[in-house]
Amino acid sequence: MKKQSELKNETVGTYAFLEHMYDDDYFPNHLVDQCKDILVELCFEIERTHPKDLDALYVLTHAATDKFNELQDVFYENDSEIETVARECIGENFAFIAASYGFEDADAEELIGTRDW
């Protein structure tokens, strides 16, 4: 897996992803790490494909959101869940990523439109 520090976009390369989740003991750090990996992977995919418009960006963010969906059961198994705090934190991180790559007008809800948490 590529490291966040290897991203070309310096803003996301040094960003503290999911800080609120790391600060909350309710969320096991090893699972937050997996969530962070999804976000970093999304950044690499944006840099690789250079989406031309919001629709192309949403395809990438929906694929990343689907990976978060797949982690729900693992959170449950660890006496945790992707609930309000996590949902807001993850959503804010998606919006930050979109803005950092020039998509300031991205709809925050549409970025994670495929979520089921």
Protein backbone atom coordinates (compact mmCIF):
# COMPACT_ATOMS: atom_id res chain seq x y z
CA MET A 1 0.00 0.00 0.00
CA LYS A 2 1.23 3.46 -0.88
CA LYS A 3 1.92 5.94 1.90
CA GLN A 4 -0.02 9.15 2.37
CA SER A 5 3.25 11.11 2.26
CA GLU A 6 3.74 9.91 -1.34
CA LEU A 7 0.70 11.82 -2.60
CA LYS A 8 1.48 14.60 -5.07
CA ASN A 9 -1.06 16.92 -3.46
CA GLU A 10 0.80 18.27 -0.44
CA THR A 11 -2.40 19.39 1.29
CA VAL A 12 -3.78 15.85 1.52
CA GLY A 13 -0.31 14.35 1.88
CA THR A 14 0.06 15.95 5.30
CA TYR A 15 -3.59 16.02 6.43
CA ALA A 16 -4.63 14.32 9.68
CA PHE A 17 -7.36 12.08 8.30
CA LEU A 18 -10.17 10.96 10.64
CA GLU A 19 -8.72 12.84 13.58
CA HIS A 20 -12.00 12.81 15.53
CA MET A 21 -12.28 9.04 15.19
CA TYR A 22 -8.69 8.51 16.32
CA ASP A 23 -9.38 10.74 19.34
CA ASP A 24 -12.44 8.70 20.38
CA ASP A 25 -11.79 5.38 22.14
CA TYR A 26 -15.11 4.06 20.83
CA PHE A 27 -13.43 3.51 17.47
CA PRO A 28 -10.62 0.92 17.51
CA ASN A 29 -7.51 2.48 15.98
CA HIS A 30 -6.81 -0.56 13.78
CA LEU A 31 -10.24 -0.07 12.15
CA VAL A 32 -9.76 3.68 11.82
CA ASP A 33 -6.46 2.84 10.12
CA GLN A 34 -8.41 0.79 7.56
CA CYS A 35 -10.76 3.72 7.01
CA LYS A 36 -7.81 6.06 6.55
CA ASP A 37 -6.33 3.64 4.01
CA ILE A 38 -9.55 3.90 2.00
CA LEU A 39 -9.30 7.69 1.96
CA VAL A 40 -5.62 7.68 1.02
CA GLU A 41 -6.35 5.16 -1.73
CA LEU A 42 -9.10 7.50 -2.98
CA CYS A 43 -6.56 10.33 -3.18
CA PHE A 44 -4.16 8.19 -5.19
CA GLU A 45 -7.03 7.22 -7.51
CA ILE A 46 -7.96 10.89 -8.04
CA GLU A 47 -4.34 11.68 -8.83
CA ARG A 48 -4.10 8.72 -11.19
CA THR A 49 -7.33 9.33 -13.13
CA HIS A 50 -7.72 13.13 -12.91
CA PRO A 51 -11.54 13.18 -12.94
CA LYS A 52 -12.75 15.79 -15.42
CA ASP A 53 -16.00 16.69 -13.67
CA LEU A 54 -18.10 16.04 -10.59
CA ASP A 55 -19.76 12.96 -12.10
CA ALA A 56 -16.34 11.37 -12.61
CA LEU A 57 -15.33 12.32 -9.08
CA TYR A 58 -18.53 10.83 -7.66
CA VAL A 59 -17.77 7.50 -9.33
CA LEU A 60 -14.50 7.40 -7.37
CA THR A 61 -15.98 8.59 -4.08
CA HIS A 62 -18.87 6.12 -4.34
CA ALA A 63 -16.40 3.26 -4.83
CA ALA A 64 -14.55 4.40 -1.70
CA THR A 65 -17.83 4.75 0.20
CA ASP A 66 -18.71 1.17 -0.73
CA LYS A 67 -15.48 0.07 0.95
CA PHE A 68 -16.60 1.85 4.13
CA ASN A 69 -19.92 0.00 3.83
CA GLU A 70 -18.00 -3.29 3.82
CA LEU A 71 -16.32 -2.38 7.14
CA GLN A 72 -19.57 -2.00 9.08
CA ASP A 73 -19.70 -5.60 10.26
CA VAL A 74 -16.07 -5.44 11.37
CA PHE A 75 -16.89 -2.37 13.47
CA TYR A 76 -19.83 -4.26 15.04
CA GLU A 77 -17.59 -7.22 15.81
CA ASN A 78 -15.32 -4.81 17.70
CA ASP A 79 -18.18 -3.30 19.76
CA SER A 80 -18.23 -0.17 17.63
CA GLU A 81 -20.13 1.15 14.64
CA ILE A 82 -20.04 3.80 11.97
CA GLU A 83 -22.50 6.11 13.71
CA THR A 84 -23.12 9.85 13.90
CA VAL A 85 -19.63 10.97 14.96
CA ALA A 86 -17.96 8.65 12.46
CA ARG A 87 -20.43 9.55 9.70
CA GLU A 88 -19.77 13.28 10.14
CA CYS A 89 -16.01 12.79 10.39
CA ILE A 90 -15.86 10.58 7.29
CA GLY A 91 -18.13 12.96 5.36
CA GLU A 92 -15.95 15.94 6.29
CA ASN A 93 -12.88 14.05 5.11
CA PHE A 94 -14.50 13.27 1.75
CA ALA A 95 -15.42 16.95 1.36
CA PHE A 96 -11.87 17.98 2.28
CA ILE A 97 -10.43 15.62 -0.32
CA ALA A 98 -12.80 16.89 -3.02
CA ALA A 99 -11.96 20.53 -2.25
CA SER A 100 -8.24 19.78 -2.13
CA TYR A 101 -8.41 18.45 -5.68
CA GLY A 102 -10.32 21.45 -7.01
CA PHE A 103 -13.89 20.22 -6.54
CA GLU A 104 -15.02 22.84 -4.00
CA ASP A 105 -18.54 22.68 -5.45
CA ALA A 106 -18.94 18.94 -4.77
CA ASP A 107 -22.10 18.07 -2.86
CA ALA A 108 -21.06 16.62 0.51
CA GLU A 109 -23.97 14.17 0.61
CA GLU A 110 -23.45 13.05 -2.98
CA LEU A 111 -19.77 12.34 -2.31
CA ILE A 112 -20.87 9.56 0.06
CA GLY A 113 -24.16 8.92 -1.72
CA THR A 114 -23.83 5.12 -1.68
CA ARG A 115 -23.36 4.93 2.08
CA ASP A 116 -25.58 2.66 4.12
CA TRP A 117 -24.42 3.88 7.52
